[in-house]
Structure formats: C-alpha cells, structure tokens
Amino acid sequence: MAMYNPPHPGHSIKDACLDPLNLTVTKGAEKLGVARHTLSRVINGHAAISPEMALRLEKIGWSTAESWLRMQLAYDLAQARKNAGRLKVKPLQSARV
C-alpha cells in the first residue's frame, strides 16, 4: 500500500546518513563528489534524487540506488496525486467492431 504523504527522500540523507556520522552537508557533498548546493537542495526537498545521485549514494554505501529511486518515485507520485483532480482527461470510448 502506498504512503499517502511520504517525506521527501532527501530528508533521509540527512537523518540516516549524514547525522549518524556527524558529517556536515559540505563534507557529505565532498564525499559524494557533488557541489554543496546540489546536496543541500536535495536534502531540503528542493531537488529530486536523480539516478546519478542515487548511484552516488549507493557507491558510498548508503543503501541501493533502487531504494533511493523508489523513495523518490513514491514522493513524486504522492505529490502528483494531490493535484490529480485538476487533470483534464477525456475517457476512452471502446471501439466496437
């Protein structure tokens, strides 16, 4: 069953990865090989975890790329569902032969 309002997965990077190791965002970004602002945007929920970032997180030993991308997908889908009522979709009519 999908979570109705999952947290942005970037929060998990800080809570489960950086904080237990007493790493700052700057040090974490350095270890991941990204700019500080790139990691900061993800952690603060202003940017998504990209496949490349997911691989970086996996390579450093913080779970698998697939699990990071599943968390991102769950978050993105929950956000989209909040606005699903605004989507204008025309129903399909079944073709009769």
PDB file of N, CA and C in Angstrom:
ATOM      1  N   MET A   1       0.849  -1.191   0.000  1.00  0.00           N
ATOM      2  CA  MET A   1       0.000   0.000   0.000  1.00  0.00           C
ATOM      3  C   MET A   1       0.890   1.248   0.000  1.00  0.00           C
ATOM      4  N   ALA A   2       0.607   2.169  -0.874  1.00  0.00           N
ATOM      5  CA  ALA A   2       1.405   3.382  -0.991  1.00  0.00           C
ATOM      6  C   ALA A   2       1.126   4.338   0.160  1.00  0.00           C
ATOM      7  N   MET A   3       2.176   5.041   0.588  1.00  0.00           N
ATOM      8  CA  MET A   3       2.003   6.046   1.625  1.00  0.00           C
ATOM      9  C   MET A   3       1.265   7.231   1.016  1.00  0.00           C
ATOM     10  N   TYR A   4       0.381   7.821   1.773  1.00  0.00           N
ATOM     11  CA  TYR A   4      -0.369   8.967   1.268  1.00  0.00           C
ATOM     12  C   TYR A   4       0.518  10.199   1.145  1.00  0.00           C
ATOM     13  N   ASN A   5       1.367  10.438   2.121  1.00  0.00           N
ATOM     14  CA  ASN A   5       2.195  11.635   2.115  1.00  0.00           C
ATOM     15  C   ASN A   5       3.618  11.293   2.575  1.00  0.00           C
ATOM     16  N   PRO A   6       4.369  10.567   1.759  1.00  0.00           N
ATOM     17  CA  PRO A   6       5.729  10.203   2.178  1.00  0.00           C
ATOM     18  C   PRO A   6       6.618  11.444   2.226  1.00  0.00           C
ATOM     19  N   PRO A   7       7.624  11.429   3.096  1.00  0.00           N
ATOM     20  CA  PRO A   7       8.547  12.562   3.153  1.00  0.00           C
ATOM     21  C   PRO A   7       9.453  12.572   1.926  1.00  0.00           C
ATOM     22  N   HIS A   8       9.987  13.723   1.615  1.00  0.00           N
ATOM     23  CA  HIS A   8      10.961  13.813   0.532  1.00  0.00           C
ATOM     24  C   HIS A   8      12.165  12.956   0.939  1.00  0.00           C
ATOM     25  N   PRO A   9      12.663  12.122   0.033  1.00  0.00           N
ATOM     26  CA  PRO A   9      13.762  11.223   0.400  1.00  0.00           C
ATOM     27  C   PRO A   9      15.058  11.936   0.764  1.00  0.00           C
ATOM     28  N   GLY A  10      15.185  13.182   0.369  1.00  0.00           N
ATOM     29  CA  GLY A  10      16.371  13.939   0.748  1.00  0.00           C
ATOM     30  C   GLY A  10      16.521  14.082   2.252  1.00  0.00           C
ATOM     31  N   HIS A  11      15.388  14.126   2.962  1.00  0.00           N
ATOM     32  CA  HIS A  11      15.451  14.225   4.419  1.00  0.00           C
ATOM     33  C   HIS A  11      16.142  13.006   5.016  1.00  0.00           C
ATOM     34  N   SER A  12      15.964  11.858   4.373  1.00  0.00           N
ATOM     35  CA  SER A  12      16.604  10.632   4.861  1.00  0.00           C
ATOM     36  C   SER A  12      18.116  10.693   4.731  1.00  0.00           C
ATOM     37  N   ILE A  13      18.604  11.399   3.732  1.00  0.00           N
ATOM     38  CA  ILE A  13      20.052  11.524   3.581  1.00  0.00           C
ATOM     39  C   ILE A  13      20.641  12.193   4.813  1.00  0.00           C
ATOM     40  N   LYS A  14      19.993  13.242   5.259  1.00  0.00           N
ATOM     41  CA  LYS A  14      20.494  13.946   6.440  1.00  0.00           C
ATOM     42  C   LYS A  14      20.296  13.114   7.695  1.00  0.00           C
ATOM     43  N   ASP A  15      19.070  12.637   7.905  1.00  0.00           N
ATOM     44  CA  ASP A  15      18.738  11.942   9.141  1.00  0.00           C
ATOM     45  C   ASP A  15      19.423  10.585   9.290  1.00  0.00           C
ATOM     46  N   ALA A  16      19.503   9.820   8.204  1.00  0.00           N
ATOM     47  CA  ALA A  16      20.015   8.449   8.300  1.00  0.00           C
ATOM     48  C   ALA A  16      21.461   8.296   7.840  1.00  0.00           C
ATOM     49  N   CYS A  17      21.966   9.266   7.112  1.00  0.00           N
ATOM     50  CA  CYS A  17      23.313   9.115   6.549  1.00  0.00           C
ATOM     51  C   CYS A  17      24.311  10.119   7.108  1.00  0.00           C
ATOM     52  N   LEU A  18      23.993  11.391   7.020  1.00  0.00           N
ATOM     53  CA  LEU A  18      24.943  12.417   7.469  1.00  0.00           C
ATOM     54  C   LEU A  18      25.010  12.526   8.990  1.00  0.00           C
ATOM     55  N   ASP A  19      23.846  12.674   9.624  1.00  0.00           N
ATOM     56  CA  ASP A  19      23.827  12.904  11.074  1.00  0.00           C
ATOM     57  C   ASP A  19      24.506  11.803  11.889  1.00  0.00           C
ATOM     58  N   PRO A  20      24.244  10.513  11.613  1.00  0.00           N
ATOM     59  CA  PRO A  20      24.899   9.471  12.413  1.00  0.00           C
ATOM     60  C   PRO A  20      26.426   9.486  12.312  1.00  0.00           C
ATOM     61  N   LEU A  21      26.944  10.012  11.210  1.00  0.00           N
ATOM     62  CA  LEU A  21      28.392  10.080  11.021  1.00  0.00           C
ATOM     63  C   LEU A  21      28.952  11.456  11.371  1.00  0.00           C
ATOM     64  N   ASN A  22      28.091  12.328  11.891  1.00  0.00           N
ATOM     65  CA  ASN A  22      28.487  13.700  12.209  1.00  0.00           C
ATOM     66  C   ASN A  22      29.111  14.406  11.011  1.00  0.00           C
ATOM     67  N   LEU A  23      28.545  14.147   9.832  1.00  0.00           N
ATOM     68  CA  LEU A  23      29.017  14.805   8.612  1.00  0.00           C
ATOM     69  C   LEU A  23      28.172  16.043   8.340  1.00  0.00           C
ATOM     70  N   THR A  24      28.815  17.112   7.988  1.00  0.00           N
ATOM     71  CA  THR A  24      28.105  18.311   7.553  1.00  0.00           C
ATOM     72  C   THR A  24      27.667  18.109   6.104  1.00  0.00           C
ATOM     73  N   VAL A  25      26.809  18.976   5.638  1.00  0.00           N
ATOM     74  CA  VAL A  25      26.404  18.931   4.241  1.00  0.00           C
ATOM     75  C   VAL A  25      27.636  19.135   3.353  1.00  0.00           C
ATOM     76  N   THR A  26      28.501  20.027   3.744  1.00  0.00           N
ATOM     77  CA  THR A  26      29.715  20.296   2.971  1.00  0.00           C
ATOM     78  C   THR A  26      30.581  19.045   2.863  1.00  0.00           C
ATOM     79  N   LYS A  27      30.814  18.361   3.986  1.00  0.00           N
ATOM     80  CA  LYS A  27      31.630  17.142   3.980  1.00  0.00           C
ATOM     81  C   LYS A  27      30.933  16.022   3.219  1.00  0.00           C
ATOM     82  N   GLY A  28      29.628  15.892   3.400  1.00  0.00           N
ATOM     83  CA  GLY A  28      28.873  14.864   2.683  1.00  0.00           C
ATOM     84  C   GLY A  28      28.946  15.084   1.183  1.00  0.00           C
ATOM     85  N   ALA A  29      28.808  16.334   0.758  1.00  0.00           N
ATOM     86  CA  ALA A  29      28.887  16.667  -0.662  1.00  0.00           C
ATOM     87  C   ALA A  29      30.273  16.334  -1.211  1.00  0.00           C
ATOM     88  N   GLU A  30      31.277  16.634  -0.423  1.00  0.00           N
ATOM     89  CA  GLU A  30      32.652  16.326  -0.830  1.00  0.00           C
ATOM     90  C   GLU A  30      32.831  14.818  -1.016  1.00  0.00           C
ATOM     91  N   LYS A  31      32.325  14.040  -0.077  1.00  0.00           N
ATOM     92  CA  LYS A  31      32.428  12.577  -0.160  1.00  0.00           C
ATOM     93  C   LYS A  31      31.666  12.031  -1.366  1.00  0.00           C
ATOM     94  N   LEU A  32      30.521  12.638  -1.671  1.00  0.00           N
ATOM     95  CA  LEU A  32      29.700  12.191  -2.795  1.00  0.00           C
ATOM     96  C   LEU A  32      30.211  12.712  -4.140  1.00  0.00           C
ATOM     97  N   GLY A  33      31.106  13.684  -4.108  1.00  0.00           N
ATOM     98  CA  GLY A  33      31.637  14.246  -5.344  1.00  0.00           C
ATOM     99  C   GLY A  33      30.689  15.205  -6.036  1.00  0.00           C
ATOM    100  N   VAL A  34      29.890  15.916  -5.237  1.00  0.00           N
ATOM    101  CA  VAL A  34      28.955  16.899  -5.787  1.00  0.00           C
ATOM    102  C   VAL A  34      29.179  18.239  -5.091  1.00  0.00           C
ATOM    103  N   ALA A  35      28.619  19.279  -5.671  1.00  0.00           N
ATOM    104  CA  ALA A  35      28.707  20.603  -5.059  1.00  0.00           C
ATOM    105  C   ALA A  35      27.829  20.644  -3.806  1.00  0.00           C
ATOM    106  N   ARG A  36      28.212  21.462  -2.850  1.00  0.00           N
ATOM    107  CA  ARG A  36      27.457  21.580  -1.608  1.00  0.00           C
ATOM    108  C   ARG A  36      26.013  21.973  -1.878  1.00  0.00           C
ATOM    109  N   HIS A  37      25.804  22.937  -2.776  1.00  0.00           N
ATOM    110  CA  HIS A  37      24.436  23.394  -3.041  1.00  0.00           C
ATOM    111  C   HIS A  37      23.591  22.291  -3.677  1.00  0.00           C
ATOM    112  N   THR A  38      24.227  21.389  -4.415  1.00  0.00           N
ATOM    113  CA  THR A  38      23.488  20.268  -5.021  1.00  0.00           C
ATOM    114  C   THR A  38      22.933  19.361  -3.926  1.00  0.00           C
ATOM    115  N   LEU A  39      23.774  18.972  -2.993  1.00  0.00           N
ATOM    116  CA  LEU A  39      23.321  18.113  -1.895  1.00  0.00           C
ATOM    117  C   LEU A  39      22.336  18.862  -1.003  1.00  0.00           C
ATOM    118  N   SER A  40      22.584  20.122  -0.748  1.00  0.00           N
ATOM    119  CA  SER A  40      21.688  20.918   0.088  1.00  0.00           C
ATOM    120  C   SER A  40      20.282  20.986  -0.514  1.00  0.00           C
ATOM    121  N   ARG A  41      20.196  21.190  -1.823  1.00  0.00           N
ATOM    122  CA  ARG A  41      18.888  21.256  -2.483  1.00  0.00           C
ATOM    123  C   ARG A  41      18.133  19.935  -2.351  1.00  0.00           C
ATOM    124  N   VAL A  42      18.845  18.817  -2.459  1.00  0.00           N
ATOM    125  CA  VAL A  42      18.196  17.507  -2.306  1.00  0.00           C
ATOM    126  C   VAL A  42      17.736  17.314  -0.863  1.00  0.00           C
ATOM    127  N   ILE A  43      18.614  17.577   0.075  1.00  0.00           N
ATOM    128  CA  ILE A  43      18.287  17.390   1.497  1.00  0.00           C
ATOM    129  C   ILE A  43      17.093  18.245   1.908  1.00  0.00           C
ATOM    130  N   ASN A  44      17.009  19.453   1.378  1.00  0.00           N
ATOM    131  CA  ASN A  44      15.923  20.356   1.753  1.00  0.00           C
ATOM    132  C   ASN A  44      14.664  20.183   0.912  1.00  0.00           C
ATOM    133  N   GLY A  45      14.660  19.167   0.051  1.00  0.00           N
ATOM    134  CA  GLY A  45      13.464  18.864  -0.724  1.00  0.00           C
ATOM    135  C   GLY A  45      13.219  19.788  -1.902  1.00  0.00           C
ATOM    136  N   HIS A  46      14.242  20.531  -2.318  1.00  0.00           N
ATOM    137  CA  HIS A  46      14.092  21.449  -3.449  1.00  0.00           C
ATOM    138  C   HIS A  46      14.526  20.817  -4.766  1.00  0.00           C
ATOM    139  N   ALA A  47      15.131  19.645  -4.688  1.00  0.00           N
ATOM    140  CA  ALA A  47      15.544  18.914  -5.890  1.00  0.00           C
ATOM    141  C   ALA A  47      15.329  17.429  -5.636  1.00  0.00           C
ATOM    142  N   ALA A  48      15.074  16.716  -6.712  1.00  0.00           N
ATOM    143  CA  ALA A  48      14.838  15.272  -6.607  1.00  0.00           C
ATOM    144  C   ALA A  48      16.157  14.508  -6.553  1.00  0.00           C
ATOM    145  N   ILE A  49      16.077  13.289  -6.061  1.00  0.00           N
ATOM    146  CA  ILE A  49      17.219  12.385  -6.140  1.00  0.00           C
ATOM    147  C   ILE A  49      17.226  11.824  -7.554  1.00  0.00           C
ATOM    148  N   SER A  50      18.227  12.205  -8.316  1.00  0.00           N
ATOM    149  CA  SER A  50      18.350  11.749  -9.700  1.00  0.00           C
ATOM    150  C   SER A  50      18.953  10.346  -9.709  1.00  0.00           C
ATOM    151  N   PRO A  51      18.849   9.659 -10.841  1.00  0.00           N
ATOM    152  CA  PRO A  51      19.529   8.357 -10.926  1.00  0.00           C
ATOM    153  C   PRO A  51      21.028   8.461 -10.628  1.00  0.00           C
ATOM    154  N   GLU A  52      21.663   9.535 -11.095  1.00  0.00           N
ATOM    155  CA  GLU A  52      23.095   9.702 -10.812  1.00  0.00           C
ATOM    156  C   GLU A  52      23.342   9.875  -9.317  1.00  0.00           C
ATOM    157  N   MET A  53      22.524  10.692  -8.653  1.00  0.00           N
ATOM    158  CA  MET A  53      22.689  10.878  -7.218  1.00  0.00           C
ATOM    159  C   MET A  53      22.429   9.563  -6.488  1.00  0.00           C
ATOM    160  N   ALA A  54      21.431   8.814  -6.949  1.00  0.00           N
ATOM    161  CA  ALA A  54      21.137   7.516  -6.335  1.00  0.00           C
ATOM    162  C   ALA A  54      22.348   6.587  -6.430  1.00  0.00           C
ATOM    163  N   LEU A  55      23.021   6.607  -7.571  1.00  0.00           N
ATOM    164  CA  LEU A  55      24.225   5.788  -7.719  1.00  0.00           C
ATOM    165  C   LEU A  55      25.345   6.265  -6.808  1.00  0.00           C
ATOM    166  N   ARG A  56      25.478   7.567  -6.664  1.00  0.00           N
ATOM    167  CA  ARG A  56      26.497   8.103  -5.756  1.00  0.00           C
ATOM    168  C   ARG A  56      26.219   7.652  -4.317  1.00  0.00           C
ATOM    169  N   LEU A  57      24.956   7.722  -3.910  1.00  0.00           N
ATOM    170  CA  LEU A  57      24.574   7.301  -2.563  1.00  0.00           C
ATOM    171  C   LEU A  57      24.848   5.813  -2.369  1.00  0.00           C
ATOM    172  N   GLU A  58      24.580   5.030  -3.399  1.00  0.00           N
ATOM    173  CA  GLU A  58      24.849   3.590  -3.337  1.00  0.00           C
ATOM    174  C   GLU A  58      26.353   3.327  -3.231  1.00  0.00           C
ATOM    175  N   LYS A  59      27.139   4.022  -4.052  1.00  0.00           N
ATOM    176  CA  LYS A  59      28.579   3.797  -4.074  1.00  0.00           C
ATOM    177  C   LYS A  59      29.245   4.150  -2.745  1.00  0.00           C
ATOM    178  N   ILE A  60      28.655   5.110  -2.031  1.00  0.00           N
ATOM    179  CA  ILE A  60      29.233   5.487  -0.752  1.00  0.00           C
ATOM    180  C   ILE A  60      28.788   4.529   0.364  1.00  0.00           C
ATOM    181  N   GLY A  61      27.809   3.668   0.028  1.00  0.00           N
ATOM    182  CA  GLY A  61      27.370   2.666   0.997  1.00  0.00           C
ATOM    183  C   GLY A  61      26.074   2.983   1.711  1.00  0.00           C
ATOM    184  N   TRP A  62      25.342   3.947   1.185  1.00  0.00           N
ATOM    185  CA  TRP A  62      24.086   4.346   1.813  1.00  0.00           C
ATOM    186  C   TRP A  62      22.908   3.777   1.036  1.00  0.00           C
ATOM    187  N   SER A  63      22.633   2.513   1.236  1.00  0.00           N
ATOM    188  CA  SER A  63      21.518   1.799   0.626  1.00  0.00           C
ATOM    189  C   SER A  63      21.778   1.579  -0.868  1.00  0.00           C
ATOM    190  N   THR A  64      20.739   1.174  -1.582  1.00  0.00           N
ATOM    191  CA  THR A  64      20.892   0.893  -3.014  1.00  0.00           C
ATOM    192  C   THR A  64      20.293   2.027  -3.839  1.00  0.00           C
ATOM    193  N   ALA A  65      20.776   2.139  -5.054  1.00  0.00           N
ATOM    194  CA  ALA A  65      20.232   3.157  -5.957  1.00  0.00           C
ATOM    195  C   ALA A  65      18.741   2.926  -6.164  1.00  0.00           C
ATOM    196  N   GLU A  66      18.352   1.653  -6.293  1.00  0.00           N
ATOM    197  CA  GLU A  66      16.940   1.337  -6.498  1.00  0.00           C
ATOM    198  C   GLU A  66      16.069   1.803  -5.338  1.00  0.00           C
ATOM    199  N   SER A  67      16.548   1.639  -4.123  1.00  0.00           N
ATOM    200  CA  SER A  67      15.716   2.060  -2.981  1.00  0.00           C
ATOM    201  C   SER A  67      15.580   3.576  -2.919  1.00  0.00           C
ATOM    202  N   TRP A  68      16.647   4.307  -3.263  1.00  0.00           N
ATOM    203  CA  TRP A  68      16.551   5.770  -3.293  1.00  0.00           C
ATOM    204  C   TRP A  68      15.572   6.222  -4.370  1.00  0.00           C
ATOM    205  N   LEU A  69      15.631   5.567  -5.522  1.00  0.00           N
ATOM    206  CA  LEU A  69      14.735   5.952  -6.615  1.00  0.00           C
ATOM    207  C   LEU A  69      13.295   5.556  -6.322  1.00  0.00           C
ATOM    208  N   ARG A  70      13.077   4.439  -5.620  1.00  0.00           N
ATOM    209  CA  ARG A  70      11.708   4.066  -5.209  1.00  0.00           C
ATOM    210  C   ARG A  70      11.139   5.101  -4.251  1.00  0.00           C
ATOM    211  N   MET A  71      11.983   5.566  -3.307  1.00  0.00           N
ATOM    212  CA  MET A  71      11.521   6.601  -2.376  1.00  0.00           C
ATOM    213  C   MET A  71      11.167   7.876  -3.131  1.00  0.00           C
ATOM    214  N   GLN A  72      11.996   8.254  -4.107  1.00  0.00           N
ATOM    215  CA  GLN A  72      11.734   9.457  -4.886  1.00  0.00           C
ATOM    216  C   GLN A  72      10.449   9.308  -5.685  1.00  0.00           C
ATOM    217  N   LEU A  73      10.259   8.142  -6.300  1.00  0.00           N
ATOM    218  CA  LEU A  73       9.049   7.886  -7.072  1.00  0.00           C
ATOM    219  C   LEU A  73       7.804   7.947  -6.195  1.00  0.00           C
ATOM    220  N   ALA A  74       7.875   7.349  -5.007  1.00  0.00           N
ATOM    221  CA  ALA A  74       6.731   7.379  -4.090  1.00  0.00           C
ATOM    222  C   ALA A  74       6.392   8.822  -3.712  1.00  0.00           C
ATOM    223  N   TYR A  75       7.413   9.614  -3.456  1.00  0.00           N
ATOM    224  CA  TYR A  75       7.208  11.020  -3.112  1.00  0.00           C
ATOM    225  C   TYR A  75       6.599  11.779  -4.292  1.00  0.00           C
ATOM    226  N   ASP A  76       7.184  11.610  -5.479  1.00  0.00           N
ATOM    227  CA  ASP A  76       6.699  12.315  -6.672  1.00  0.00           C
ATOM    228  C   ASP A  76       5.253  11.945  -6.991  1.00  0.00           C
ATOM    229  N   LEU A  77       4.926  10.659  -6.881  1.00  0.00           N
ATOM    230  CA  LEU A  77       3.565  10.219  -7.169  1.00  0.00           C
ATOM    231  C   LEU A  77       2.581  10.781  -6.144  1.00  0.00           C
ATOM    232  N   ALA A  78       2.973  10.818  -4.875  1.00  0.00           N
ATOM    233  CA  ALA A  78       2.096  11.384  -3.847  1.00  0.00           C
ATOM    234  C   ALA A  78       1.839  12.863  -4.123  1.00  0.00           C
ATOM    235  N   GLN A  79       2.880  13.576  -4.578  1.00  0.00           N
ATOM    236  CA  GLN A  79       2.701  14.996  -4.896  1.00  0.00           C
ATOM    237  C   GLN A  79       1.767  15.160  -6.093  1.00  0.00           C
ATOM    238  N   ALA A  80       1.923  14.311  -7.097  1.00  0.00           N
ATOM    239  CA  ALA A  80       1.068  14.385  -8.281  1.00  0.00           C
ATOM    240  C   ALA A  80      -0.382  14.058  -7.928  1.00  0.00           C
ATOM    241  N   ARG A  81      -0.582  13.093  -7.035  1.00  0.00           N
ATOM    242  CA  ARG A  81      -1.945  12.708  -6.646  1.00  0.00           C
ATOM    243  C   ARG A  81      -2.685  13.864  -5.963  1.00  0.00           C
ATOM    244  N   LYS A  82      -1.947  14.732  -5.306  1.00  0.00           N
ATOM    245  CA  LYS A  82      -2.584  15.879  -4.643  1.00  0.00           C
ATOM    246  C   LYS A  82      -3.280  16.786  -5.657  1.00  0.00           C
ATOM    247  N   ASN A  83      -2.789  16.787  -6.880  1.00  0.00           N
ATOM    248  CA  ASN A  83      -3.358  17.640  -7.927  1.00  0.00           C
ATOM    249  C   ASN A  83      -4.091  16.848  -9.001  1.00  0.00           C
ATOM    250  N   ALA A  84      -4.338  15.583  -8.759  1.00  0.00           N
ATOM    251  CA  ALA A  84      -4.956  14.722  -9.775  1.00  0.00           C
ATOM    252  C   ALA A  84      -6.339  15.225 -10.193  1.00  0.00           C
ATOM    253  N   GLY A  85      -7.062  15.877  -9.293  1.00  0.00           N
ATOM    254  CA  GLY A  85      -8.386  16.393  -9.621  1.00  0.00           C
ATOM    255  C   GLY A  85      -8.363  17.480 -10.683  1.00  0.00           C
ATOM    256  N   ARG A  86      -7.237  18.125 -10.853  1.00  0.00           N
ATOM    257  CA  ARG A  86      -7.115  19.202 -11.838  1.00  0.00           C
ATOM    258  C   ARG A  86      -6.766  18.690 -13.237  1.00  0.00           C
ATOM    259  N   LEU A  87      -6.434  17.414 -13.344  1.00  0.00           N
ATOM    260  CA  LEU A  87      -6.059  16.865 -14.642  1.00  0.00           C
ATOM    261  C   LEU A  87      -7.277  16.738 -15.533  1.00  0.00           C
ATOM    262  N   LYS A  88      -7.145  17.232 -16.727  1.00  0.00           N
ATOM    263  CA  LYS A  88      -8.226  17.151 -17.709  1.00  0.00           C
ATOM    264  C   LYS A  88      -7.960  15.956 -18.615  1.00  0.00           C
ATOM    265  N   VAL A  89      -8.733  14.908 -18.419  1.00  0.00           N
ATOM    266  CA  VAL A  89      -8.574  13.677 -19.199  1.00  0.00           C
ATOM    267  C   VAL A  89      -9.922  13.287 -19.773  1.00  0.00           C
ATOM    268  N   LYS A  90      -9.925  12.968 -21.037  1.00  0.00           N
ATOM    269  CA  LYS A  90     -11.158  12.521 -21.684  1.00  0.00           C
ATOM    270  C   LYS A  90     -11.201  11.003 -21.648  1.00  0.00           C
ATOM    271  N   PRO A  91     -12.332  10.445 -21.238  1.00  0.00           N
ATOM    272  CA  PRO A  91     -12.414   8.987 -21.180  1.00  0.00           C
ATOM    273  C   PRO A  91     -12.380   8.369 -22.566  1.00  0.00           C
ATOM    274  N   LEU A  92     -11.789   7.193 -22.627  1.00  0.00           N
ATOM    275  CA  LEU A  92     -11.756   6.458 -23.888  1.00  0.00           C
ATOM    276  C   LEU A  92     -13.094   5.797 -24.139  1.00  0.00           C
ATOM    277  N   GLN A  93     -13.467   5.738 -25.390  1.00  0.00           N
ATOM    278  CA  GLN A  93     -14.675   5.026 -25.769  1.00  0.00           C
ATOM    279  C   GLN A  93     -14.238   3.721 -26.405  1.00  0.00           C
ATOM    280  N   SER A  94     -14.817   2.643 -25.973  1.00  0.00           N
ATOM    281  CA  SER A  94     -14.396   1.359 -26.543  1.00  0.00           C
ATOM    282  C   SER A  94     -14.835   1.262 -27.995  1.00  0.00           C
ATOM    283  N   ALA A  95     -13.937   0.759 -28.799  1.00  0.00           N
ATOM    284  CA  ALA A  95     -14.213   0.591 -30.227  1.00  0.00           C
ATOM    285  C   ALA A  95     -15.079  -0.660 -30.430  1.00  0.00           C
ATOM    286  N   ARG A  96     -16.109  -0.516 -31.175  1.00  0.00           N
ATOM    287  CA  ARG A  96     -16.983  -1.661 -31.450  1.00  0.00           C
ATOM    288  C   ARG A  96     -16.725  -2.151 -32.865  1.00  0.00           C
ATOM    289  N   VAL A  97     -16.589  -3.414 -32.971  1.00  0.00           N
ATOM    290  CA  VAL A  97     -16.310  -3.996 -34.295  1.00  0.00           C
ATOM    291  C   VAL A  97     -17.582  -4.500 -34.915  1.00  0.00           C
TER     292      VAL A  97
END
